[in-house]
Amino acid sequence: MTKSMITHITFVCVAVSVLGGCANTIRGMGQDTANTVNATQGAGRTVEKAAQ
């Protein structure tokens, strides 16, 4: 193997790792956002019941 080929393989491995980490972060942010929306809606329903 040449030095250039090893460099390319290393670059691809690092890129795949970084992109995989980004996908997990984006998925986690989506779940956090969904949880926030659900909590806000639940609080709104609680306030509505208390006002009746």
Protein backbone atom coordinates (compact mmCIF):
# COMPACT_ATOMS: atom_id res chain seq x y z
CA MET A 1 0.00 0.00 0.00
CA THR A 2 1.21 3.42 -0.82
CA LYS A 3 1.19 6.33 1.56
CA SER A 4 -1.42 8.09 -0.57
CA MET A 5 -3.76 5.10 -0.41
CA ILE A 6 -3.45 4.86 3.39
CA THR A 7 -4.16 8.60 3.64
CA HIS A 8 -7.31 8.22 1.53
CA ILE A 9 -8.55 5.25 3.58
CA THR A 10 -7.91 7.14 6.82
CA PHE A 11 -9.77 10.19 5.50
CA VAL A 12 -12.79 8.07 4.51
CA CYS A 13 -12.88 6.39 7.93
CA VAL A 14 -12.74 9.74 9.73
CA ALA A 15 -15.43 11.21 7.47
CA VAL A 16 -17.76 8.26 8.08
CA SER A 17 -17.25 8.56 11.84
CA VAL A 18 -17.95 12.30 11.86
CA LEU A 19 -21.06 11.97 9.70
CA GLY A 20 -22.35 9.14 11.89
CA GLY A 21 -21.97 11.34 14.95
CA CYS A 22 -23.85 14.17 13.26
CA ALA A 23 -26.74 11.86 12.39
CA ASN A 24 -27.07 10.81 16.04
CA THR A 25 -26.99 14.42 17.19
CA ILE A 26 -29.67 15.49 14.73
CA ARG A 27 -31.87 12.53 15.72
CA GLY A 28 -31.44 13.42 19.40
CA MET A 29 -32.35 17.05 18.75
CA GLY A 30 -35.52 15.90 16.97
CA GLN A 31 -36.50 13.76 19.94
CA ASP A 32 -35.79 16.62 22.38
CA THR A 33 -37.93 18.97 20.29
CA ALA A 34 -40.78 16.47 20.19
CA ASN A 35 -40.58 16.04 23.97
CA THR A 36 -40.67 19.81 24.46
CA VAL A 37 -43.77 20.13 22.26
CA ASN A 38 -45.50 17.32 24.15
CA ALA A 39 -44.68 18.90 27.51
CA THR A 40 -45.93 22.30 26.37
CA GLN A 41 -49.19 20.80 25.11
CA GLY A 42 -49.62 18.92 28.38
CA ALA A 43 -49.10 22.10 30.38
CA GLY A 44 -51.63 23.89 28.19
CA ARG A 45 -54.21 21.20 28.86
CA THR A 46 -53.54 21.43 32.60
CA VAL A 47 -54.05 25.20 32.56
CA GLU A 48 -57.22 24.80 30.49
CA LYS A 49 -58.66 22.30 33.00
CA ALA A 50 -57.77 24.59 35.92
CA ALA A 51 -59.52 27.52 34.25
CA GLN A 52 -62.81 25.64 33.90
